[in-house]
């Protein structure tokens, strides 16, 4: 009879520990996903700033803004991870700063 009581107590401890463990794992995964999303958004902002700086540098050197992002990649060392980011580059004319938008791919 004593063994059964001890076994029941052990079972109650395991039964209480399991939901606590699941909650801890869920919080950990949630934190990692939040960190990853923030890092991706920060990367998009950094990439946009790099493209903008390279465009201004191109204007200072060549007297015109670059016609495309591909031109910046070939001539000014910009590297874009196209699997992570969508880059929209729209230039009105060669003497106007282009609109640059970088979005994180979902």
PDB file of N, CA and C in Angstrom:
ATOM      1  N   UNK A   1       0.807  -1.182   0.000  1.00  0.00           N
ATOM      2  CA  UNK A   1       0.000   0.000   0.000  1.00  0.00           C
ATOM      3  C   UNK A   1       0.868   1.271   0.000  1.00  0.00           C
ATOM      4  N   UNK A   2       1.959   1.220   0.731  1.00  0.00           N
ATOM      5  CA  UNK A   2       2.856   2.362   0.820  1.00  0.00           C
ATOM      6  C   UNK A   2       3.479   2.664  -0.550  1.00  0.00           C
ATOM      7  N   UNK A   3       3.809   1.632  -1.317  1.00  0.00           N
ATOM      8  CA  UNK A   3       4.383   1.830  -2.651  1.00  0.00           C
ATOM      9  C   UNK A   3       3.393   2.552  -3.560  1.00  0.00           C
ATOM     10  N   UNK A   4       2.123   2.223  -3.442  1.00  0.00           N
ATOM     11  CA  UNK A   4       1.119   2.866  -4.275  1.00  0.00           C
ATOM     12  C   UNK A   4       0.994   4.351  -3.941  1.00  0.00           C
ATOM     13  N   UNK A   5       1.051   4.680  -2.651  1.00  0.00           N
ATOM     14  CA  UNK A   5       0.967   6.076  -2.250  1.00  0.00           C
ATOM     15  C   UNK A   5       2.159   6.865  -2.783  1.00  0.00           C
ATOM     16  N   UNK A   6       3.333   6.269  -2.684  1.00  0.00           N
ATOM     17  CA  UNK A   6       4.540   6.929  -3.196  1.00  0.00           C
ATOM     18  C   UNK A   6       4.471   7.079  -4.710  1.00  0.00           C
ATOM     19  N   UNK A   7       3.992   6.047  -5.397  1.00  0.00           N
ATOM     20  CA  UNK A   7       3.859   6.108  -6.846  1.00  0.00           C
ATOM     21  C   UNK A   7       2.864   7.191  -7.252  1.00  0.00           C
ATOM     22  N   UNK A   8       1.778   7.324  -6.512  1.00  0.00           N
ATOM     23  CA  UNK A   8       0.775   8.346  -6.803  1.00  0.00           C
ATOM     24  C   UNK A   8       1.353   9.751  -6.599  1.00  0.00           C
ATOM     25  N   UNK A   9       2.137   9.938  -5.526  1.00  0.00           N
ATOM     26  CA  UNK A   9       2.787  11.227  -5.278  1.00  0.00           C
ATOM     27  C   UNK A   9       3.769  11.560  -6.399  1.00  0.00           C
ATOM     28  N   UNK A  10       4.544  10.576  -6.828  1.00  0.00           N
ATOM     29  CA  UNK A  10       5.485  10.787  -7.929  1.00  0.00           C
ATOM     30  C   UNK A  10       4.749  11.161  -9.211  1.00  0.00           C
ATOM     31  N   UNK A  11       3.625  10.495  -9.445  1.00  0.00           N
ATOM     32  CA  UNK A  11       2.836  10.773 -10.638  1.00  0.00           C
ATOM     33  C   UNK A  11       2.297  12.208 -10.599  1.00  0.00           C
ATOM     34  N   UNK A  12       1.849  12.687  -9.432  1.00  0.00           N
ATOM     35  CA  UNK A  12       1.341  14.049  -9.296  1.00  0.00           C
ATOM     36  C   UNK A  12       2.448  15.069  -9.575  1.00  0.00           C
ATOM     37  N   UNK A  13       3.656  14.769  -9.102  1.00  0.00           N
ATOM     38  CA  UNK A  13       4.777  15.668  -9.353  1.00  0.00           C
ATOM     39  C   UNK A  13       5.070  15.752 -10.852  1.00  0.00           C
ATOM     40  N   UNK A  14       5.077  14.620 -11.529  1.00  0.00           N
ATOM     41  CA  UNK A  14       5.304  14.611 -12.975  1.00  0.00           C
ATOM     42  C   UNK A  14       4.172  15.317 -13.701  1.00  0.00           C
ATOM     43  N   UNK A  15       2.948  15.119 -13.230  1.00  0.00           N
ATOM     44  CA  UNK A  15       1.790  15.738 -13.858  1.00  0.00           C
ATOM     45  C   UNK A  15       1.844  17.262 -13.738  1.00  0.00           C
ATOM     46  N   UNK A  16       2.363  17.769 -12.646  1.00  0.00           N
ATOM     47  CA  UNK A  16       2.510  19.220 -12.462  1.00  0.00           C
ATOM     48  C   UNK A  16       3.716  19.745 -13.243  1.00  0.00           C
ATOM     49  N   UNK A  17       4.778  18.975 -13.315  1.00  0.00           N
ATOM     50  CA  UNK A  17       5.998  19.411 -13.989  1.00  0.00           C
ATOM     51  C   UNK A  17       5.822  19.516 -15.500  1.00  0.00           C
ATOM     52  N   UNK A  18       5.019  18.667 -16.078  1.00  0.00           N
ATOM     53  CA  UNK A  18       4.857  18.652 -17.531  1.00  0.00           C
ATOM     54  C   UNK A  18       4.293  19.973 -18.074  1.00  0.00           C
ATOM     55  N   UNK A  19       3.187  20.509 -17.530  1.00  0.00           N
ATOM     56  CA  UNK A  19       2.706  21.802 -18.056  1.00  0.00           C
ATOM     57  C   UNK A  19       3.694  22.944 -17.837  1.00  0.00           C
ATOM     58  N   UNK A  20       4.415  22.923 -16.733  1.00  0.00           N
ATOM     59  CA  UNK A  20       5.413  23.959 -16.478  1.00  0.00           C
ATOM     60  C   UNK A  20       6.512  23.883 -17.532  1.00  0.00           C
ATOM     61  N   UNK A  21       6.957  22.687 -17.851  1.00  0.00           N
ATOM     62  CA  UNK A  21       7.989  22.500 -18.872  1.00  0.00           C
ATOM     63  C   UNK A  21       7.490  22.971 -20.241  1.00  0.00           C
ATOM     64  N   UNK A  22       6.258  22.638 -20.583  1.00  0.00           N
ATOM     65  CA  UNK A  22       5.689  23.054 -21.864  1.00  0.00           C
ATOM     66  C   UNK A  22       5.612  24.582 -21.937  1.00  0.00           C
ATOM     67  N   UNK A  23       5.217  25.230 -20.843  1.00  0.00           N
ATOM     68  CA  UNK A  23       5.155  26.702 -20.823  1.00  0.00           C
ATOM     69  C   UNK A  23       6.541  27.324 -20.999  1.00  0.00           C
ATOM     70  N   UNK A  24       7.538  26.773 -20.358  1.00  0.00           N
ATOM     71  CA  UNK A  24       8.895  27.287 -20.482  1.00  0.00           C
ATOM     72  C   UNK A  24       9.390  27.145 -21.919  1.00  0.00           C
ATOM     73  N   UNK A  25       9.142  26.010 -22.539  1.00  0.00           N
ATOM     74  CA  UNK A  25       9.551  25.789 -23.933  1.00  0.00           C
ATOM     75  C   UNK A  25       8.808  26.757 -24.851  1.00  0.00           C
ATOM     76  N   UNK A  26       7.505  26.953 -24.612  1.00  0.00           N
ATOM     77  CA  UNK A  26       6.726  27.875 -25.442  1.00  0.00           C
ATOM     78  C   UNK A  26       7.253  29.306 -25.318  1.00  0.00           C
ATOM     79  N   UNK A  27       7.594  29.736 -24.123  1.00  0.00           N
ATOM     80  CA  UNK A  27       8.161  31.073 -23.937  1.00  0.00           C
ATOM     81  C   UNK A  27       9.512  31.213 -24.629  1.00  0.00           C
ATOM     82  N   UNK A  28      10.321  30.175 -24.560  1.00  0.00           N
ATOM     83  CA  UNK A  28      11.629  30.193 -25.208  1.00  0.00           C
ATOM     84  C   UNK A  28      11.479  30.314 -26.726  1.00  0.00           C
ATOM     85  N   UNK A  29      10.601  29.515 -27.316  1.00  0.00           N
ATOM     86  CA  UNK A  29      10.385  29.555 -28.766  1.00  0.00           C
ATOM     87  C   UNK A  29       9.816  30.915 -29.175  1.00  0.00           C
ATOM     88  N   UNK A  30       8.891  31.440 -28.389  1.00  0.00           N
ATOM     89  CA  UNK A  30       8.314  32.748 -28.677  1.00  0.00           C
ATOM     90  C   UNK A  30       9.388  33.837 -28.651  1.00  0.00           C
ATOM     91  N   UNK A  31      10.287  33.774 -27.679  1.00  0.00           N
ATOM     92  CA  UNK A  31      11.368  34.745 -27.604  1.00  0.00           C
ATOM     93  C   UNK A  31      12.304  34.673 -28.793  1.00  0.00           C
ATOM     94  N   UNK A  32      12.630  33.472 -29.219  1.00  0.00           N
ATOM     95  CA  UNK A  32      13.510  33.292 -30.373  1.00  0.00           C
ATOM     96  C   UNK A  32      12.851  33.844 -31.635  1.00  0.00           C
ATOM     97  N   UNK A  33      11.560  33.576 -31.812  1.00  0.00           N
ATOM     98  CA  UNK A  33      10.863  34.069 -33.005  1.00  0.00           C
ATOM     99  C   UNK A  33      10.779  35.594 -32.998  1.00  0.00           C
ATOM    100  N   UNK A  34      10.545  36.179 -31.846  1.00  0.00           N
ATOM    101  CA  UNK A  34      10.494  37.636 -31.738  1.00  0.00           C
ATOM    102  C   UNK A  34      11.858  38.249 -32.050  1.00  0.00           C
ATOM    103  N   UNK A  35      12.908  37.662 -31.525  1.00  0.00           N
ATOM    104  CA  UNK A  35      14.260  38.141 -31.792  1.00  0.00           C
ATOM    105  C   UNK A  35      14.584  38.040 -33.283  1.00  0.00           C
ATOM    106  N   UNK A  36      14.198  36.942 -33.901  1.00  0.00           N
ATOM    107  CA  UNK A  36      14.466  36.746 -35.325  1.00  0.00           C
ATOM    108  C   UNK A  36      13.737  37.785 -36.168  1.00  0.00           C
ATOM    109  N   UNK A  37      12.490  38.069 -35.822  1.00  0.00           N
ATOM    110  CA  UNK A  37      11.724  39.058 -36.571  1.00  0.00           C
ATOM    111  C   UNK A  37      12.346  40.443 -36.424  1.00  0.00           C
ATOM    112  N   UNK A  38      12.748  40.801 -35.210  1.00  0.00           N
ATOM    113  CA  UNK A  38      13.383  42.108 -34.985  1.00  0.00           C
ATOM    114  C   UNK A  38      14.708  42.211 -35.730  1.00  0.00           C
ATOM    115  N   UNK A  39      15.473  41.129 -35.743  1.00  0.00           N
ATOM    116  CA  UNK A  39      16.753  41.143 -36.456  1.00  0.00           C
ATOM    117  C   UNK A  39      16.535  41.301 -37.952  1.00  0.00           C
ATOM    118  N   UNK A  40      15.512  40.661 -38.492  1.00  0.00           N
ATOM    119  CA  UNK A  40      15.215  40.792 -39.919  1.00  0.00           C
ATOM    120  C   UNK A  40      14.799  42.196 -40.284  1.00  0.00           C
ATOM    121  N   UNK A  41      13.981  42.820 -39.445  1.00  0.00           N
ATOM    122  CA  UNK A  41      13.553  44.203 -39.704  1.00  0.00           C
ATOM    123  C   UNK A  41      14.739  45.153 -39.618  1.00  0.00           C
ATOM    124  N   UNK A  42      15.612  44.901 -38.664  1.00  0.00           N
ATOM    125  CA  UNK A  42      16.818  45.727 -38.518  1.00  0.00           C
ATOM    126  C   UNK A  42      17.733  45.544 -39.734  1.00  0.00           C
ATOM    127  N   UNK A  43      17.825  44.331 -40.243  1.00  0.00           N
ATOM    128  CA  UNK A  43      18.631  44.066 -41.437  1.00  0.00           C
ATOM    129  C   UNK A  43      18.083  44.789 -42.653  1.00  0.00           C
ATOM    130  N   UNK A  44      16.751  44.837 -42.788  1.00  0.00           N
ATOM    131  CA  UNK A  44      16.130  45.549 -43.909  1.00  0.00           C
ATOM    132  C   UNK A  44      16.448  47.045 -43.834  1.00  0.00           C
ATOM    133  N   UNK A  45      16.397  47.579 -42.637  1.00  0.00           N
ATOM    134  CA  UNK A  45      16.724  48.998 -42.450  1.00  0.00           C
ATOM    135  C   UNK A  45      18.191  49.274 -42.786  1.00  0.00           C
ATOM    136  N   UNK A  46      19.065  48.404 -42.360  1.00  0.00           N
ATOM    137  CA  UNK A  46      20.497  48.555 -42.649  1.00  0.00           C
ATOM    138  C   UNK A  46      20.766  48.461 -44.146  1.00  0.00           C
ATOM    139  N   UNK A  47      20.098  47.518 -44.817  1.00  0.00           N
ATOM    140  CA  UNK A  47      20.268  47.365 -46.263  1.00  0.00           C
ATOM    141  C   UNK A  47      19.773  48.610 -46.996  1.00  0.00           C
ATOM    142  N   UNK A  48      18.630  49.149 -46.590  1.00  0.00           N
ATOM    143  CA  UNK A  48      18.111  50.360 -47.219  1.00  0.00           C
ATOM    144  C   UNK A  48      19.092  51.523 -47.065  1.00  0.00           C
ATOM    145  N   UNK A  49      19.650  51.659 -45.869  1.00  0.00           N
ATOM    146  CA  UNK A  49      20.632  52.724 -45.641  1.00  0.00           C
ATOM    147  C   UNK A  49      21.887  52.524 -46.490  1.00  0.00           C
ATOM    148  N   UNK A  50      22.327  51.288 -46.649  1.00  0.00           N
ATOM    149  CA  UNK A  50      23.514  51.006 -47.473  1.00  0.00           C
ATOM    150  C   UNK A  50      23.246  51.331 -48.942  1.00  0.00           C
ATOM    151  N   UNK A  51      22.062  50.992 -49.423  1.00  0.00           N
ATOM    152  CA  UNK A  51      21.712  51.302 -50.814  1.00  0.00           C
ATOM    153  C   UNK A  51      21.630  52.809 -51.002  1.00  0.00           C
ATOM    154  N   UNK A  52      21.072  53.502 -50.034  1.00  0.00           N
ATOM    155  CA  UNK A  52      20.979  54.963 -50.122  1.00  0.00           C
ATOM    156  C   UNK A  52      22.374  55.605 -50.138  1.00  0.00           C
ATOM    157  N   UNK A  53      23.265  55.130 -49.252  1.00  0.00           N
ATOM    158  CA  UNK A  53      24.630  55.681 -49.226  1.00  0.00           C
ATOM    159  C   UNK A  53      25.361  55.409 -50.543  1.00  0.00           C
ATOM    160  N   UNK A  54      25.203  54.210 -51.083  1.00  0.00           N
ATOM    161  CA  UNK A  54      25.862  53.876 -52.348  1.00  0.00           C
ATOM    162  C   UNK A  54      25.296  54.726 -53.492  1.00  0.00           C
ATOM    163  N   UNK A  55      23.996  55.002 -53.438  1.00  0.00           N
ATOM    164  CA  UNK A  55      23.395  55.858 -54.473  1.00  0.00           C
ATOM    165  C   UNK A  55      23.963  57.267 -54.420  1.00  0.00           C
ATOM    166  N   UNK A  56      24.105  57.793 -53.204  1.00  0.00           N
ATOM    167  CA  UNK A  56      24.674  59.136 -53.048  1.00  0.00           C
ATOM    168  C   UNK A  56      26.139  59.139 -53.478  1.00  0.00           C
ATOM    169  N   UNK A  57      26.861  58.084 -53.151  1.00  0.00           N
ATOM    170  CA  UNK A  57      28.251  57.981 -53.573  1.00  0.00           C
ATOM    171  C   UNK A  57      28.344  57.944 -55.096  1.00  0.00           C
ATOM    172  N   UNK A  58      27.459  57.199 -55.729  1.00  0.00           N
ATOM    173  CA  UNK A  58      27.436  57.132 -57.191  1.00  0.00           C
ATOM    174  C   UNK A  58      27.157  58.526 -57.776  1.00  0.00           C
ATOM    175  N   UNK A  59      26.228  59.242 -57.175  1.00  0.00           N
ATOM    176  CA  UNK A  59      25.915  60.591 -57.646  1.00  0.00           C
ATOM    177  C   UNK A  59      27.120  61.523 -57.501  1.00  0.00           C
ATOM    178  N   UNK A  60      27.837  61.389 -56.397  1.00  0.00           N
ATOM    179  CA  UNK A  60      29.012  62.240 -56.166  1.00  0.00           C
ATOM    180  C   UNK A  60      30.130  61.927 -57.157  1.00  0.00           C
ATOM    181  N   UNK A  61      30.291  60.649 -57.483  1.00  0.00           N
ATOM    182  CA  UNK A  61      31.389  60.250 -58.379  1.00  0.00           C
ATOM    183  C   UNK A  61      31.021  60.436 -59.843  1.00  0.00           C
ATOM    184  N   UNK A  62      29.831  59.993 -60.235  1.00  0.00           N
ATOM    185  CA  UNK A  62      29.460  59.953 -61.649  1.00  0.00           C
ATOM    186  C   UNK A  62      28.562  61.108 -62.086  1.00  0.00           C
ATOM    187  N   UNK A  63      28.018  61.856 -61.128  1.00  0.00           N
ATOM    188  CA  UNK A  63      27.146  62.971 -61.487  1.00  0.00           C
ATOM    189  C   UNK A  63      25.716  62.570 -61.776  1.00  0.00           C
ATOM    190  N   UNK A  64      25.359  61.339 -61.485  1.00  0.00           N
ATOM    191  CA  UNK A  64      23.981  60.862 -61.685  1.00  0.00           C
ATOM    192  C   UNK A  64      23.714  59.726 -60.700  1.00  0.00           C
ATOM    193  N   UNK A  65      22.441  59.557 -60.385  1.00  0.00           N
ATOM    194  CA  UNK A  65      22.082  58.428 -59.523  1.00  0.00           C
ATOM    195  C   UNK A  65      22.081  57.153 -60.350  1.00  0.00           C
ATOM    196  N   UNK A  66      22.337  56.017 -59.730  1.00  0.00           N
ATOM    197  CA  UNK A  66      22.406  54.762 -60.491  1.00  0.00           C
ATOM    198  C   UNK A  66      21.050  54.395 -61.088  1.00  0.00           C
ATOM    199  N   UNK A  67      21.064  53.775 -62.245  1.00  0.00           N
ATOM    200  CA  UNK A  67      19.802  53.413 -62.900  1.00  0.00           C
ATOM    201  C   UNK A  67      19.063  52.252 -62.225  1.00  0.00           C
ATOM    202  N   UNK A  68      19.796  51.429 -61.481  1.00  0.00           N
ATOM    203  CA  UNK A  68      19.157  50.266 -60.852  1.00  0.00           C
ATOM    204  C   UNK A  68      19.997  49.775 -59.674  1.00  0.00           C
ATOM    205  N   UNK A  69      19.399  48.899 -58.901  1.00  0.00           N
ATOM    206  CA  UNK A  69      20.114  48.289 -57.779  1.00  0.00           C
ATOM    207  C   UNK A  69      21.197  47.346 -58.306  1.00  0.00           C
ATOM    208  N   UNK A  70      20.928  46.718 -59.423  1.00  0.00           N
ATOM    209  CA  UNK A  70      21.919  45.821 -60.013  1.00  0.00           C
ATOM    210  C   UNK A  70      23.201  46.577 -60.355  1.00  0.00           C
ATOM    211  N   UNK A  71      23.058  47.822 -60.793  1.00  0.00           N
ATOM    212  CA  UNK A  71      24.222  48.662 -61.075  1.00  0.00           C
ATOM    213  C   UNK A  71      25.039  48.879 -59.800  1.00  0.00           C
ATOM    214  N   UNK A  72      24.349  49.102 -58.692  1.00  0.00           N
ATOM    215  CA  UNK A  72      25.043  49.271 -57.408  1.00  0.00           C
ATOM    216  C   UNK A  72      25.728  47.977 -56.982  1.00  0.00           C
ATOM    217  N   UNK A  73      25.098  46.859 -57.247  1.00  0.00           N
ATOM    218  CA  UNK A  73      25.705  45.567 -56.902  1.00  0.00           C
ATOM    219  C   UNK A  73      26.981  45.340 -57.708  1.00  0.00           C
ATOM    220  N   UNK A  74      26.941  45.677 -58.993  1.00  0.00           N
ATOM    221  CA  UNK A  74      28.091  45.437 -59.868  1.00  0.00           C
ATOM    222  C   UNK A  74      29.243  46.410 -59.613  1.00  0.00           C
ATOM    223  N   UNK A  75      28.919  47.668 -59.328  1.00  0.00           N
ATOM    224  CA  UNK A  75      29.955  48.701 -59.289  1.00  0.00           C
ATOM    225  C   UNK A  75      30.281  49.261 -57.904  1.00  0.00           C
ATOM    226  N   UNK A  76      29.400  49.055 -56.928  1.00  0.00           N
ATOM    227  CA  UNK A  76      29.615  49.684 -55.630  1.00  0.00           C
ATOM    228  C   UNK A  76      29.583  48.693 -54.463  1.00  0.00           C
ATOM    229  N   UNK A  77      29.610  47.426 -54.743  1.00  0.00           N
ATOM    230  CA  UNK A  77      29.770  46.420 -53.702  1.00  0.00           C
ATOM    231  C   UNK A  77      28.558  46.154 -52.829  1.00  0.00           C
ATOM    232  N   UNK A  78      27.386  46.565 -53.252  1.00  0.00           N
ATOM    233  CA  UNK A  78      26.175  46.267 -52.479  1.00  0.00           C
ATOM    234  C   UNK A  78      25.847  44.787 -52.652  1.00  0.00           C
ATOM    235  N   UNK A  79      25.546  44.135 -51.534  1.00  0.00           N
ATOM    236  CA  UNK A  79      25.172  42.723 -51.560  1.00  0.00           C
ATOM    237  C   UNK A  79      23.774  42.583 -50.984  1.00  0.00           C
ATOM    238  N   UNK A  80      22.880  41.973 -51.750  1.00  0.00           N
ATOM    239  CA  UNK A  80      21.487  41.819 -51.343  1.00  0.00           C
ATOM    240  C   UNK A  80      21.152  40.333 -51.267  1.00  0.00           C
ATOM    241  N   UNK A  81      20.662  39.918 -50.127  1.00  0.00           N
ATOM    242  CA  UNK A  81      20.177  38.548 -49.966  1.00  0.00           C
ATOM    243  C   UNK A  81      18.730  38.527 -50.459  1.00  0.00           C
ATOM    244  N   UNK A  82      18.559  38.158 -51.698  1.00  0.00           N
ATOM    245  CA  UNK A  82      17.236  38.208 -52.330  1.00  0.00           C
ATOM    246  C   UNK A  82      16.279  37.155 -51.762  1.00  0.00           C
ATOM    247  N   UNK A  83      16.805  36.182 -51.042  1.00  0.00           N
ATOM    248  CA  UNK A  83      15.932  35.211 -50.380  1.00  0.00           C
ATOM    249  C   UNK A  83      15.300  35.793 -49.120  1.00  0.00           C
ATOM    250  N   UNK A  84      15.906  36.837 -48.552  1.00  0.00           N
ATOM    251  CA  UNK A  84      15.383  37.441 -47.314  1.00  0.00           C
ATOM    252  C   UNK A  84      14.693  38.778 -47.543  1.00  0.00           C
ATOM    253  N   UNK A  85      15.108  39.519 -48.588  1.00  0.00           N
ATOM    254  CA  UNK A  85      14.604  40.881 -48.757  1.00  0.00           C
ATOM    255  C   UNK A  85      14.094  41.121 -50.174  1.00  0.00           C
ATOM    256  N   UNK A  86      13.025  41.907 -50.258  1.00  0.00           N
ATOM    257  CA  UNK A  86      12.544  42.446 -51.527  1.00  0.00           C
ATOM    258  C   UNK A  86      13.000  43.893 -51.589  1.00  0.00           C
ATOM    259  N   UNK A  87      13.654  44.259 -52.673  1.00  0.00           N
ATOM    260  CA  UNK A  87      14.156  45.625 -52.828  1.00  0.00           C
ATOM    261  C   UNK A  87      13.419  46.274 -53.994  1.00  0.00           C
ATOM    262  N   UNK A  88      12.829  47.448 -53.712  1.00  0.00           N
ATOM    263  CA  UNK A  88      12.152  48.229 -54.734  1.00  0.00           C
ATOM    264  C   UNK A  88      12.922  49.539 -54.901  1.00  0.00           C
ATOM    265  N   UNK A  89      13.399  49.770 -56.116  1.00  0.00           N
ATOM    266  CA  UNK A  89      14.249  50.916 -56.416  1.00  0.00           C
ATOM    267  C   UNK A  89      13.624  51.628 -57.598  1.00  0.00           C
ATOM    268  N   UNK A  90      13.158  52.847 -57.374  1.00  0.00           N
ATOM    269  CA  UNK A  90      12.464  53.572 -58.424  1.00  0.00           C
ATOM    270  C   UNK A  90      13.072  54.957 -58.570  1.00  0.00           C
ATOM    271  N   UNK A  91      13.727  55.165 -59.691  1.00  0.00           N
ATOM    272  CA  UNK A  91      14.337  56.465 -59.968  1.00  0.00           C
ATOM    273  C   UNK A  91      13.529  57.223 -60.997  1.00  0.00           C
ATOM    274  N   UNK A  92      13.168  58.463 -60.672  1.00  0.00           N
ATOM    275  CA  UNK A  92      12.398  59.310 -61.594  1.00  0.00           C
ATOM    276  C   UNK A  92      13.286  59.819 -62.719  1.00  0.00           C
ATOM    277  N   UNK A  93      14.432  60.327 -62.352  1.00  0.00           N
ATOM    278  CA  UNK A  93      15.401  60.833 -63.312  1.00  0.00           C
ATOM    279  C   UNK A  93      16.786  60.666 -62.704  1.00  0.00           C
ATOM    280  N   UNK A  94      17.802  60.799 -63.536  1.00  0.00           N
ATOM    281  CA  UNK A  94      19.155  60.526 -63.055  1.00  0.00           C
ATOM    282  C   UNK A  94      19.664  61.585 -62.074  1.00  0.00           C
ATOM    283  N   UNK A  95      18.970  62.733 -61.981  1.00  0.00           N
ATOM    284  CA  UNK A  95      19.420  63.772 -61.059  1.00  0.00           C
ATOM    285  C   UNK A  95      18.519  63.900 -59.820  1.00  0.00           C
ATOM    286  N   UNK A  96      17.562  62.987 -59.635  1.00  0.00           N
ATOM    287  CA  UNK A  96      16.710  62.950 -58.449  1.00  0.00           C
ATOM    288  C   UNK A  96      16.998  61.686 -57.650  1.00  0.00           C
ATOM    289  N   UNK A  97      17.023  61.840 -56.325  1.00  0.00           N
ATOM    290  CA  UNK A  97      17.246  60.695 -55.443  1.00  0.00           C
ATOM    291  C   UNK A  97      16.126  59.668 -55.658  1.00  0.00           C
ATOM    292  N   UNK A  98      16.481  58.427 -55.926  1.00  0.00           N
ATOM    293  CA  UNK A  98      15.452  57.399 -56.160  1.00  0.00           C
ATOM    294  C   UNK A  98      14.733  57.017 -54.864  1.00  0.00           C
ATOM    295  N   UNK A  99      13.529  56.503 -55.025  1.00  0.00           N
ATOM    296  CA  UNK A  99      12.799  55.933 -53.890  1.00  0.00           C
ATOM    297  C   UNK A  99      13.326  54.524 -53.662  1.00  0.00           C
ATOM    298  N   UNK A 100      13.706  54.244 -52.432  1.00  0.00           N
ATOM    299  CA  UNK A 100      14.271  52.944 -52.081  1.00  0.00           C
ATOM    300  C   UNK A 100      13.430  52.334 -50.968  1.00  0.00           C
ATOM    301  N   UNK A 101      12.903  51.149 -51.231  1.00  0.00           N
ATOM    302  CA  UNK A 101      12.117  50.437 -50.228  1.00  0.00           C
ATOM    303  C   UNK A 101      12.666  49.031 -50.109  1.00  0.00           C
ATOM    304  N   UNK A 102      12.924  48.609 -48.867  1.00  0.00           N
ATOM    305  CA  UNK A 102      13.410  47.252 -48.612  1.00  0.00           C
ATOM    306  C   UNK A 102      12.436  46.604 -47.626  1.00  0.00           C
ATOM    307  N   UNK A 103      11.874  45.470 -48.041  1.00  0.00           N
ATOM    308  CA  UNK A 103      10.936  44.738 -47.194  1.00  0.00           C
ATOM    309  C   UNK A 103      11.475  43.353 -46.888  1.00  0.00           C
ATOM    310  N   UNK A 104      11.222  42.911 -45.690  1.00  0.00           N
ATOM    311  CA  UNK A 104      11.586  41.559 -45.282  1.00  0.00           C
ATOM    312  C   UNK A 104      10.583  40.588 -45.885  1.00  0.00           C
ATOM    313  N   UNK A 105      11.075  39.547 -46.527  1.00  0.00           N
ATOM    314  CA  UNK A 105      10.185  38.526 -47.078  1.00  0.00           C
ATOM    315  C   UNK A 105       9.595  37.703 -45.954  1.00  0.00           C
ATOM    316  N   UNK A 106       8.339  37.403 -46.067  1.00  0.00           N
ATOM    317  CA  UNK A 106       7.664  36.607 -45.031  1.00  0.00           C
ATOM    318  C   UNK A 106       7.729  35.149 -45.358  1.00  0.00           C
TER     319      UNK A 106
END
